Amino acid sequence: MITKALLEDIPALVALINSAYRGETSKKGWTTEAHLLEGKRTDEQEMTQIFLNPKNTILKFTENNAIIGSVLLVEKEPQLYLGMLTVSPELQNGGIGKKLLAEAENHAKSLGLSSIIMTVISVREEIVAWYERHGYRDTGEREAFPESDIHTTVSEIPLEFIYLEKRL
């Protein structure tokens, strides 16, 4: 079931997102960034700030009262920014990400927004290909990967974001 996440979901969301992107648990799934970055993907402080901004929505996918997927949606007229699409590493390749993506598109349409944009680390070719199979296209725009207090880059290759967009 996909519903809007609430403030009380923050600890579970932080645990899920970090487990899917970083550390040993993330290596059970195909979306890991553990070979590129060490540290956390997010923390409770960042998630609280996200929740406090009325332009942000986090959708959660729950099963048996456990959050097993989530996605951050940010209203940036005329587009919706999609970030942190997350599925529990043990449950990836089961269609949950596709369902969250479809719900994000419904959310954008309900707000009257014309497209969805996102950033993906350029060397994450398998992720880029997955989004392209779902109708997203490389815009050609690039952005340097940001420095952070909560993670460290371990990649030998300089990291950058590429922008992907899907018109609705």
Protein backbone atom coordinates (compact mmCIF):
# COMPACT_ATOMS: atom_id res chain seq x y z
CA MET A 1 0.00 0.00 0.00
CA ILE A 2 1.34 3.45 -0.92
CA THR A 3 0.47 6.34 1.39
CA LYS A 4 1.94 9.64 2.47
CA ALA A 5 4.69 9.24 5.09
CA LEU A 6 4.31 10.97 8.45
CA LEU A 7 6.78 12.54 10.89
CA GLU A 8 6.64 9.43 13.08
CA ASP A 9 7.92 7.40 10.08
CA ILE A 10 11.29 9.22 10.06
CA PRO A 11 13.30 6.60 12.03
CA ALA A 12 12.03 3.77 9.82
CA LEU A 13 12.60 5.80 6.64
CA VAL A 14 16.17 6.70 7.64
CA ALA A 15 16.95 3.05 8.39
CA LEU A 16 15.41 1.91 5.08
CA ILE A 17 17.12 4.55 2.93
CA ASN A 18 20.54 4.00 4.49
CA SER A 19 20.18 0.21 4.18
CA ALA A 20 19.41 0.48 0.47
CA TYR A 21 22.14 2.95 -0.50
CA ARG A 22 25.13 2.41 1.81
CA GLY A 23 26.95 -0.23 3.79
CA GLU A 24 26.92 -4.02 3.67
CA THR A 25 23.13 -4.41 3.66
CA SER A 26 22.88 -2.32 0.50
CA LYS A 27 25.01 -4.87 -1.37
CA LYS A 28 22.07 -7.30 -1.23
CA GLY A 29 20.30 -5.09 -3.79
CA TRP A 30 21.31 -3.66 -7.15
CA THR A 31 20.90 0.01 -6.18
CA THR A 32 23.84 0.14 -3.76
CA GLU A 33 26.21 3.10 -3.73
CA ALA A 34 28.59 1.40 -1.26
CA HIS A 35 31.31 1.14 -3.92
CA LEU A 36 31.13 4.92 -4.47
CA LEU A 37 30.33 6.43 -1.08
CA GLU A 38 30.82 5.62 2.60
CA GLY A 39 28.75 6.93 5.48
CA LYS A 40 25.04 7.58 5.51
CA ARG A 41 22.68 8.53 2.69
CA THR A 42 20.52 10.55 5.09
CA ASP A 43 19.93 11.15 8.77
CA GLU A 44 17.01 12.10 11.02
CA GLN A 45 17.94 15.80 10.95
CA GLU A 46 17.84 15.95 7.13
CA MET A 47 14.60 13.96 6.99
CA THR A 48 12.98 16.24 9.56
CA GLN A 49 13.92 19.27 7.42
CA ILE A 50 12.40 17.54 4.40
CA PHE A 51 9.14 16.94 6.27
CA LEU A 52 8.97 20.53 7.49
CA ASN A 53 8.97 21.93 3.94
CA PRO A 54 5.36 22.04 2.63
CA LYS A 55 6.62 21.60 -0.97
CA ASN A 56 7.90 18.10 -0.07
CA THR A 57 5.99 14.83 0.07
CA ILE A 58 7.40 11.44 0.97
CA LEU A 59 5.42 8.45 -0.15
CA LYS A 60 5.89 5.15 1.65
CA PHE A 61 5.19 1.62 0.48
CA THR A 62 4.11 -0.52 3.41
CA GLU A 63 3.53 -4.22 3.73
CA ASN A 64 2.59 -5.92 7.02
CA ASN A 65 2.98 -2.53 8.78
CA ALA A 66 6.64 -2.26 7.67
CA ILE A 67 7.94 0.45 5.34
CA ILE A 68 9.68 -1.38 2.49
CA GLY A 69 9.87 1.43 -0.05
CA SER A 70 9.75 5.22 -0.26
CA VAL A 71 10.24 8.19 -2.56
CA LEU A 72 10.77 11.91 -2.01
CA LEU A 73 8.71 14.27 -4.19
CA VAL A 74 9.44 18.00 -4.30
CA GLU A 75 7.22 20.57 -6.02
CA LYS A 76 9.49 22.72 -8.22
CA GLU A 77 7.02 24.25 -10.66
CA PRO A 78 6.55 23.44 -13.48
CA GLN A 79 8.20 20.12 -12.52
CA LEU A 80 8.18 17.59 -9.74
CA TYR A 81 11.63 16.60 -8.47
CA LEU A 82 11.91 12.92 -7.58
CA GLY A 83 14.61 11.78 -5.19
CA MET A 84 15.65 8.95 -2.89
CA LEU A 85 13.54 6.30 -4.60
CA THR A 86 14.18 3.42 -2.22
CA VAL A 87 13.23 -0.24 -1.99
CA SER A 88 14.48 -2.61 0.70
CA PRO A 89 17.56 -4.39 -0.77
CA GLU A 90 16.07 -7.86 -0.16
CA LEU A 91 12.90 -6.92 -2.07
CA GLN A 92 14.36 -5.18 -5.12
CA ASN A 93 13.33 -6.41 -8.59
CA GLY A 94 9.82 -7.15 -7.32
CA GLY A 95 7.96 -4.20 -8.87
CA ILE A 96 7.84 -1.96 -5.79
CA GLY A 97 10.03 0.73 -7.36
CA LYS A 98 7.88 0.71 -10.49
CA LYS A 99 4.74 1.18 -8.35
CA LEU A 100 6.32 4.08 -6.44
CA LEU A 101 7.39 5.67 -9.74
CA ALA A 102 3.84 5.39 -11.11
CA GLU A 103 2.43 6.94 -7.94
CA ALA A 104 4.95 9.79 -8.22
CA GLU A 105 3.70 10.44 -11.75
CA ASN A 106 0.09 10.47 -10.48
CA HIS A 107 1.13 12.93 -7.76
CA ALA A 108 2.75 15.24 -10.35
CA LYS A 109 -0.36 15.15 -12.53
CA SER A 110 -2.60 15.88 -9.54
CA LEU A 111 -0.53 19.02 -8.92
CA GLY A 112 -0.80 20.04 -12.57
CA LEU A 113 2.94 19.67 -13.14
CA SER A 114 4.20 18.90 -16.65
CA SER A 115 7.20 16.68 -15.95
CA ILE A 116 9.31 14.87 -13.38
CA ILE A 117 13.02 15.55 -13.03
CA MET A 118 15.68 13.78 -11.00
CA THR A 119 19.41 13.55 -10.56
CA VAL A 120 21.32 10.28 -10.75
CA ILE A 121 25.04 9.72 -10.19
CA SER A 122 26.43 9.46 -13.73
CA VAL A 123 28.43 6.26 -13.15
CA ARG A 124 25.25 4.46 -12.01
CA GLU A 125 24.57 3.21 -15.53
CA GLU A 126 22.21 0.42 -14.43
CA ILE A 127 20.02 2.94 -12.56
CA VAL A 128 20.02 5.36 -15.50
CA ALA A 129 19.02 2.49 -17.81
CA TRP A 130 16.17 1.49 -15.45
CA TYR A 131 14.76 5.02 -15.49
CA GLU A 132 15.15 5.22 -19.28
CA ARG A 133 13.09 2.02 -19.60
CA HIS A 134 10.39 3.90 -17.66
CA GLY A 135 10.34 6.89 -20.02
CA TYR A 136 12.98 9.18 -18.49
CA ARG A 137 15.52 10.90 -20.73
CA ASP A 138 18.93 12.47 -20.11
CA THR A 139 18.52 16.27 -20.36
CA GLY A 140 22.25 16.82 -20.92
CA GLU A 141 22.47 18.91 -17.75
CA ARG A 142 25.24 17.98 -15.28
CA GLU A 143 26.02 19.04 -11.72
CA ALA A 144 29.00 18.34 -9.49
CA PHE A 145 28.33 15.77 -6.78
CA PRO A 146 27.97 17.68 -3.49
CA GLU A 147 30.29 17.39 -0.52
CA SER A 148 28.57 16.28 2.68
CA ASP A 149 29.19 15.87 6.38
CA ILE A 150 27.38 12.52 6.40
CA HIS A 151 29.18 10.70 3.58
CA THR A 152 32.63 10.37 2.02
CA THR A 153 33.39 9.67 -1.63
CA VAL A 154 35.47 6.50 -2.10
CA SER A 155 35.23 6.35 -5.89
CA GLU A 156 38.37 6.88 -7.95
CA ILE A 157 36.16 8.38 -10.65
CA PRO A 158 34.94 11.95 -10.05
CA LEU A 159 31.21 11.82 -9.36
CA GLU A 160 28.62 14.04 -10.98
CA PHE A 161 24.85 14.10 -11.24
CA ILE A 162 23.06 13.80 -14.55
CA TYR A 163 19.52 15.12 -14.88
CA LEU A 164 16.78 12.84 -16.15
CA GLU A 165 13.31 14.05 -17.11
CA LYS A 166 9.99 12.52 -18.07
CA ARG A 167 7.28 14.66 -19.63
CA LEU A 168 3.80 13.77 -18.47
